[in-house]
Amino acid sequence: MKLPDPKSLAMIGIGLLVPALAARLARSVAGKGYQLLTHEDAPRNPAHPQVEWKEAIIWTVVSGTIGGLARLSARRLLAETIIPAEGDDMEGEVDKLA
């Protein structure tokens, strides 16, 4: 059995981690913006019964859109590097390890 190349494993890890961190950071910034606009904290759990429907929907749409765009941007930037991004690039790198 062939042992995985540590460099390939590290690149795959980076390829998975960077988009997730970008989305997390973007949602955090969105939370600060939400707080500035509404003078209230963003809902930690929009599904909680004490969160109004309107507030839950607005926060979910805003944070999901901003997080998704950040993840997409990170993946597009990674696609131009040797680091495999999620999706087809990642599948090819994982197949090389098998």
N, C-alpha and C. Protein backbone atom coordinates (compact mmCIF):
# COMPACT_ATOMS: atom_id res chain seq x y z
N MET A 1 0.84 -1.18 0.00
CA MET A 1 0.00 0.00 0.00
C MET A 1 0.89 1.25 0.00
N LYS A 2 0.59 2.16 -0.86
CA LYS A 2 1.36 3.40 -0.99
C LYS A 2 0.95 4.38 0.10
N LEU A 3 1.95 4.93 0.80
CA LEU A 3 1.67 5.94 1.82
C LEU A 3 1.41 7.28 1.16
N PRO A 4 0.44 8.03 1.67
CA PRO A 4 0.15 9.35 1.09
C PRO A 4 1.35 10.28 1.24
N ASP A 5 1.57 11.08 0.24
CA ASP A 5 2.62 12.09 0.26
C ASP A 5 2.20 13.20 1.22
N PRO A 6 3.02 13.52 2.23
CA PRO A 6 2.64 14.56 3.20
C PRO A 6 2.35 15.91 2.53
N LYS A 7 3.10 16.23 1.48
CA LYS A 7 2.87 17.51 0.80
C LYS A 7 1.48 17.53 0.16
N SER A 8 1.09 16.41 -0.46
CA SER A 8 -0.24 16.34 -1.08
C SER A 8 -1.34 16.45 -0.02
N LEU A 9 -1.13 15.77 1.11
CA LEU A 9 -2.12 15.85 2.19
C LEU A 9 -2.23 17.27 2.71
N ALA A 10 -1.09 17.94 2.84
CA ALA A 10 -1.11 19.33 3.32
C ALA A 10 -1.84 20.22 2.33
N MET A 11 -1.61 20.04 1.04
CA MET A 11 -2.27 20.86 0.02
C MET A 11 -3.78 20.62 0.03
N ILE A 12 -4.17 19.37 0.19
CA ILE A 12 -5.60 19.06 0.26
C ILE A 12 -6.21 19.71 1.50
N GLY A 13 -5.51 19.63 2.63
CA GLY A 13 -6.00 20.27 3.85
C GLY A 13 -6.16 21.77 3.69
N ILE A 14 -5.18 22.40 3.06
CA ILE A 14 -5.26 23.85 2.82
C ILE A 14 -6.42 24.15 1.88
N GLY A 15 -6.60 23.31 0.86
CA GLY A 15 -7.68 23.51 -0.10
C GLY A 15 -9.06 23.42 0.52
N LEU A 16 -9.18 22.63 1.57
CA LEU A 16 -10.45 22.52 2.29
C LEU A 16 -10.61 23.62 3.34
N LEU A 17 -9.51 23.97 3.97
CA LEU A 17 -9.54 24.92 5.08
C LEU A 17 -9.74 26.37 4.64
N VAL A 18 -9.06 26.79 3.60
CA VAL A 18 -9.11 28.20 3.19
C VAL A 18 -10.53 28.67 2.85
N PRO A 19 -11.28 27.94 2.00
CA PRO A 19 -12.65 28.41 1.73
C PRO A 19 -13.55 28.43 2.97
N ALA A 20 -13.38 27.45 3.84
CA ALA A 20 -14.19 27.42 5.06
C ALA A 20 -13.86 28.61 5.96
N LEU A 21 -12.58 28.91 6.09
CA LEU A 21 -12.19 30.06 6.92
C LEU A 21 -12.65 31.38 6.30
N ALA A 22 -12.59 31.47 4.98
CA ALA A 22 -13.05 32.69 4.31
C ALA A 22 -14.54 32.90 4.56
N ALA A 23 -15.32 31.84 4.48
CA ALA A 23 -16.76 31.96 4.73
C ALA A 23 -17.03 32.33 6.18
N ARG A 24 -16.29 31.73 7.09
CA ARG A 24 -16.47 32.02 8.52
C ARG A 24 -16.14 33.48 8.83
N LEU A 25 -15.03 33.95 8.28
CA LEU A 25 -14.64 35.34 8.48
C LEU A 25 -15.67 36.30 7.90
N ALA A 26 -16.15 35.98 6.70
CA ALA A 26 -17.15 36.84 6.05
C ALA A 26 -18.43 36.90 6.86
N ARG A 27 -18.87 35.76 7.40
CA ARG A 27 -20.08 35.77 8.23
C ARG A 27 -19.86 36.56 9.52
N SER A 28 -18.66 36.50 10.05
CA SER A 28 -18.34 37.28 11.25
C SER A 28 -18.42 38.77 10.95
N VAL A 29 -17.85 39.18 9.82
CA VAL A 29 -17.91 40.59 9.42
C VAL A 29 -19.37 40.99 9.16
N ALA A 30 -20.13 40.09 8.56
CA ALA A 30 -21.54 40.38 8.32
C ALA A 30 -22.28 40.59 9.64
N GLY A 31 -21.91 39.81 10.66
CA GLY A 31 -22.52 39.97 11.97
C GLY A 31 -22.24 41.34 12.57
N LYS A 32 -21.01 41.81 12.38
CA LYS A 32 -20.67 43.16 12.86
C LYS A 32 -21.47 44.22 12.11
N GLY A 33 -21.61 44.04 10.80
CA GLY A 33 -22.41 44.97 10.01
C GLY A 33 -23.87 44.95 10.42
N TYR A 34 -24.39 43.77 10.69
CA TYR A 34 -25.77 43.62 11.15
C TYR A 34 -25.96 44.37 12.46
N GLN A 35 -24.97 44.24 13.35
CA GLN A 35 -25.05 44.91 14.64
C GLN A 35 -25.02 46.43 14.48
N LEU A 36 -24.20 46.93 13.57
CA LEU A 36 -24.14 48.37 13.33
C LEU A 36 -25.46 48.91 12.76
N LEU A 37 -26.07 48.14 11.87
CA LEU A 37 -27.31 48.60 11.24
C LEU A 37 -28.54 48.49 12.13
N THR A 38 -28.61 47.41 12.91
CA THR A 38 -29.82 47.16 13.69
C THR A 38 -29.67 47.50 15.17
N HIS A 39 -28.45 47.75 15.62
CA HIS A 39 -28.16 48.00 17.03
C HIS A 39 -28.52 46.80 17.90
N GLU A 40 -28.54 45.61 17.29
CA GLU A 40 -28.79 44.35 18.00
C GLU A 40 -27.79 43.33 17.49
N ASP A 41 -27.49 42.34 18.31
CA ASP A 41 -26.61 41.27 17.86
C ASP A 41 -27.34 40.42 16.82
N ALA A 42 -26.56 39.89 15.90
CA ALA A 42 -27.14 38.96 14.92
C ALA A 42 -27.59 37.70 15.67
N PRO A 43 -28.66 37.08 15.22
CA PRO A 43 -29.12 35.88 15.92
C PRO A 43 -28.08 34.76 15.84
N ARG A 44 -27.72 34.20 16.98
CA ARG A 44 -26.76 33.08 16.99
C ARG A 44 -27.39 31.84 16.39
N ASN A 45 -28.68 31.68 16.62
CA ASN A 45 -29.42 30.54 16.08
C ASN A 45 -30.75 31.07 15.54
N PRO A 46 -30.84 31.31 14.23
CA PRO A 46 -32.08 31.85 13.67
C PRO A 46 -33.29 30.94 13.85
N ALA A 47 -33.05 29.66 14.13
CA ALA A 47 -34.16 28.73 14.31
C ALA A 47 -34.74 28.77 15.72
N HIS A 48 -34.11 29.50 16.62
CA HIS A 48 -34.59 29.58 18.00
C HIS A 48 -35.97 30.22 18.04
N PRO A 49 -36.89 29.68 18.84
CA PRO A 49 -38.26 30.21 18.89
C PRO A 49 -38.38 31.68 19.29
N GLN A 50 -37.41 32.21 20.01
CA GLN A 50 -37.48 33.61 20.44
C GLN A 50 -37.03 34.58 19.34
N VAL A 51 -36.47 34.07 18.26
CA VAL A 51 -36.04 34.92 17.14
C VAL A 51 -37.23 35.09 16.21
N GLU A 52 -37.56 36.34 15.91
CA GLU A 52 -38.70 36.60 15.02
C GLU A 52 -38.40 36.07 13.61
N TRP A 53 -39.46 35.67 12.91
CA TRP A 53 -39.31 35.14 11.56
C TRP A 53 -38.59 36.11 10.64
N LYS A 54 -39.01 37.37 10.70
CA LYS A 54 -38.41 38.38 9.83
C LYS A 54 -36.91 38.48 10.07
N GLU A 55 -36.51 38.55 11.32
CA GLU A 55 -35.10 38.66 11.68
C GLU A 55 -34.34 37.40 11.25
N ALA A 56 -34.94 36.24 11.46
CA ALA A 56 -34.29 34.97 11.09
C ALA A 56 -34.08 34.88 9.58
N ILE A 57 -35.09 35.27 8.81
CA ILE A 57 -34.99 35.20 7.35
C ILE A 57 -33.95 36.19 6.84
N ILE A 58 -33.98 37.40 7.32
CA ILE A 58 -33.02 38.41 6.87
C ILE A 58 -31.60 37.96 7.19
N TRP A 59 -31.37 37.52 8.42
CA TRP A 59 -30.02 37.11 8.80
C TRP A 59 -29.55 35.89 8.00
N THR A 60 -30.43 34.94 7.77
CA THR A 60 -30.05 33.75 7.02
C THR A 60 -29.69 34.09 5.58
N VAL A 61 -30.48 34.93 4.95
CA VAL A 61 -30.20 35.33 3.56
C VAL A 61 -28.89 36.12 3.48
N VAL A 62 -28.73 37.09 4.35
CA VAL A 62 -27.53 37.94 4.32
C VAL A 62 -26.28 37.12 4.62
N SER A 63 -26.28 36.39 5.72
CA SER A 63 -25.07 35.65 6.11
C SER A 63 -24.77 34.51 5.13
N GLY A 64 -25.80 33.87 4.62
CA GLY A 64 -25.60 32.80 3.64
C GLY A 64 -25.03 33.31 2.33
N THR A 65 -25.55 34.45 1.88
CA THR A 65 -25.05 35.04 0.64
C THR A 65 -23.61 35.50 0.79
N ILE A 66 -23.32 36.20 1.85
CA ILE A 66 -21.96 36.70 2.07
C ILE A 66 -20.98 35.54 2.28
N GLY A 67 -21.36 34.57 3.08
CA GLY A 67 -20.50 33.40 3.30
C GLY A 67 -20.27 32.61 2.02
N GLY A 68 -21.33 32.43 1.24
CA GLY A 68 -21.21 31.70 -0.02
C GLY A 68 -20.31 32.41 -1.02
N LEU A 69 -20.45 33.72 -1.10
CA LEU A 69 -19.59 34.49 -2.01
C LEU A 69 -18.13 34.45 -1.57
N ALA A 70 -17.88 34.47 -0.27
CA ALA A 70 -16.51 34.39 0.23
C ALA A 70 -15.91 33.01 -0.08
N ARG A 71 -16.69 31.96 0.10
CA ARG A 71 -16.23 30.60 -0.20
C ARG A 71 -15.93 30.47 -1.69
N LEU A 72 -16.84 30.98 -2.52
CA LEU A 72 -16.63 30.93 -3.97
C LEU A 72 -15.38 31.69 -4.38
N SER A 73 -15.20 32.87 -3.81
CA SER A 73 -14.01 33.68 -4.13
C SER A 73 -12.73 32.94 -3.76
N ALA A 74 -12.71 32.33 -2.58
CA ALA A 74 -11.53 31.58 -2.15
C ALA A 74 -11.27 30.41 -3.08
N ARG A 75 -12.32 29.69 -3.46
CA ARG A 75 -12.15 28.55 -4.36
C ARG A 75 -11.65 28.99 -5.72
N ARG A 76 -12.16 30.11 -6.22
CA ARG A 76 -11.69 30.62 -7.52
C ARG A 76 -10.23 31.03 -7.45
N LEU A 77 -9.84 31.67 -6.34
CA LEU A 77 -8.43 32.05 -6.18
C LEU A 77 -7.53 30.81 -6.08
N LEU A 78 -7.98 29.80 -5.36
CA LEU A 78 -7.21 28.57 -5.24
C LEU A 78 -7.10 27.82 -6.56
N ALA A 79 -8.11 27.96 -7.41
CA ALA A 79 -8.09 27.26 -8.69
C ALA A 79 -6.95 27.74 -9.59
N GLU A 80 -6.43 28.92 -9.30
CA GLU A 80 -5.32 29.46 -10.09
C GLU A 80 -3.96 29.11 -9.47
N THR A 81 -3.95 28.27 -8.43
CA THR A 81 -2.72 27.90 -7.76
C THR A 81 -2.53 26.38 -7.84
N ILE A 82 -1.47 25.89 -7.19
CA ILE A 82 -1.25 24.44 -7.15
C ILE A 82 -2.08 23.78 -6.06
N ILE A 83 -2.73 24.58 -5.23
CA ILE A 83 -3.55 24.04 -4.15
C ILE A 83 -4.89 23.61 -4.74
N PRO A 84 -5.27 22.34 -4.55
CA PRO A 84 -6.55 21.89 -5.11
C PRO A 84 -7.71 22.50 -4.35
N ALA A 85 -8.68 23.01 -5.09
CA ALA A 85 -9.90 23.53 -4.47
C ALA A 85 -10.90 22.39 -4.34
N GLU A 86 -11.97 22.63 -3.61
CA GLU A 86 -13.02 21.62 -3.48
C GLU A 86 -13.58 21.29 -4.86
N GLY A 87 -14.11 20.10 -5.03
CA GLY A 87 -14.73 19.75 -6.30
C GLY A 87 -13.82 18.86 -7.13
N ASP A 88 -13.83 19.07 -8.45
CA ASP A 88 -13.08 18.21 -9.37
C ASP A 88 -11.58 18.22 -9.06
N ASP A 89 -11.01 19.38 -8.77
CA ASP A 89 -9.58 19.45 -8.45
C ASP A 89 -9.27 18.57 -7.24
N MET A 90 -10.12 18.63 -6.23
CA MET A 90 -9.89 17.88 -5.01
C MET A 90 -10.00 16.38 -5.28
N GLU A 91 -10.99 15.97 -6.07
CA GLU A 91 -11.16 14.55 -6.37
C GLU A 91 -9.93 13.99 -7.08
N GLY A 92 -9.36 14.77 -7.99
CA GLY A 92 -8.17 14.33 -8.70
C GLY A 92 -6.99 14.15 -7.75
N GLU A 93 -6.83 15.07 -6.81
CA GLU A 93 -5.73 14.96 -5.85
C GLU A 93 -5.93 13.77 -4.92
N VAL A 94 -7.14 13.54 -4.48
CA VAL A 94 -7.42 12.40 -3.60
C VAL A 94 -7.17 11.10 -4.35
N ASP A 95 -7.54 11.02 -5.63
CA ASP A 95 -7.31 9.82 -6.43
C ASP A 95 -5.82 9.53 -6.56
N LYS A 96 -5.00 10.58 -6.65
CA LYS A 96 -3.54 10.39 -6.74
C LYS A 96 -2.98 9.73 -5.49
N LEU A 97 -3.62 9.96 -4.35
CA LEU A 97 -3.13 9.40 -3.09
C LEU A 97 -3.48 7.91 -2.94
N ALA A 98 -4.50 7.47 -3.64
CA ALA A 98 -4.96 6.07 -3.50
C ALA A 98 -4.03 5.09 -4.20
